[in-house]
Amino acid sequence: MSGRPSSPWTPRRLAALVLADVGVVFAWTVAVGATAPRWPARWLARDRGPLRLAPGESAVAYRRVGVQRWARRLPELGGTFGVSKRRLPGGSPDELAAYVVEVRRAEWVHWLSLLSLVPLAALNPRWLWALFATIAGAVNAPFVAILRFNRLRLLGLLARRRPARRG
């Protein structure tokens, strides 16, 4: 006999746990994505929480890391439940402002999908939770970067198209 305690995680039990984890992450992500189009636009009128831009965060910085190339290669699934962000819907200030709301909505979907990791933390060994957290972060990070890049560009375009307020 070895002095090592036996693990409660048999291959079969671990496979079942991973399948359950994938189901939780998938169901949570679909639920967030499906409800997002019903969120009031007023909730998305400003950059709050993780949507706040960092000092010095710019479209130029995102361009340098190749975000435009990622945007061409990664799927755009916003149209599945809401508005596709593949193309600008129009160029008027009102249309651009409405589109900024949709980009914020999409970014919130990616941030909130990470909350699927909370129940996994309670149900999994630490190493498995860390693996899921790493994968979830790696999957969502490029989409968040693309959305932030697009929002920066849209806000700049909107600032140039809106008439200056006097007064």
Foldseek 3Di string as FASTA:
>chain_A
DDPDDDDPDDVVNVVVLVVVLVVLLVVQLVVLLQCLQVDDLVVQQDQDDPSDDDVPDALVVLVVVPLVVVLVVDDFCSVVRHDTPNDQPDQALVSLSVVLSVLSSVLVSLVSSLCSLVVVVVVDDPVVSVVVNVVSCVVSVSSNSNSSSVSNVSVVSSVVRDDDDDD
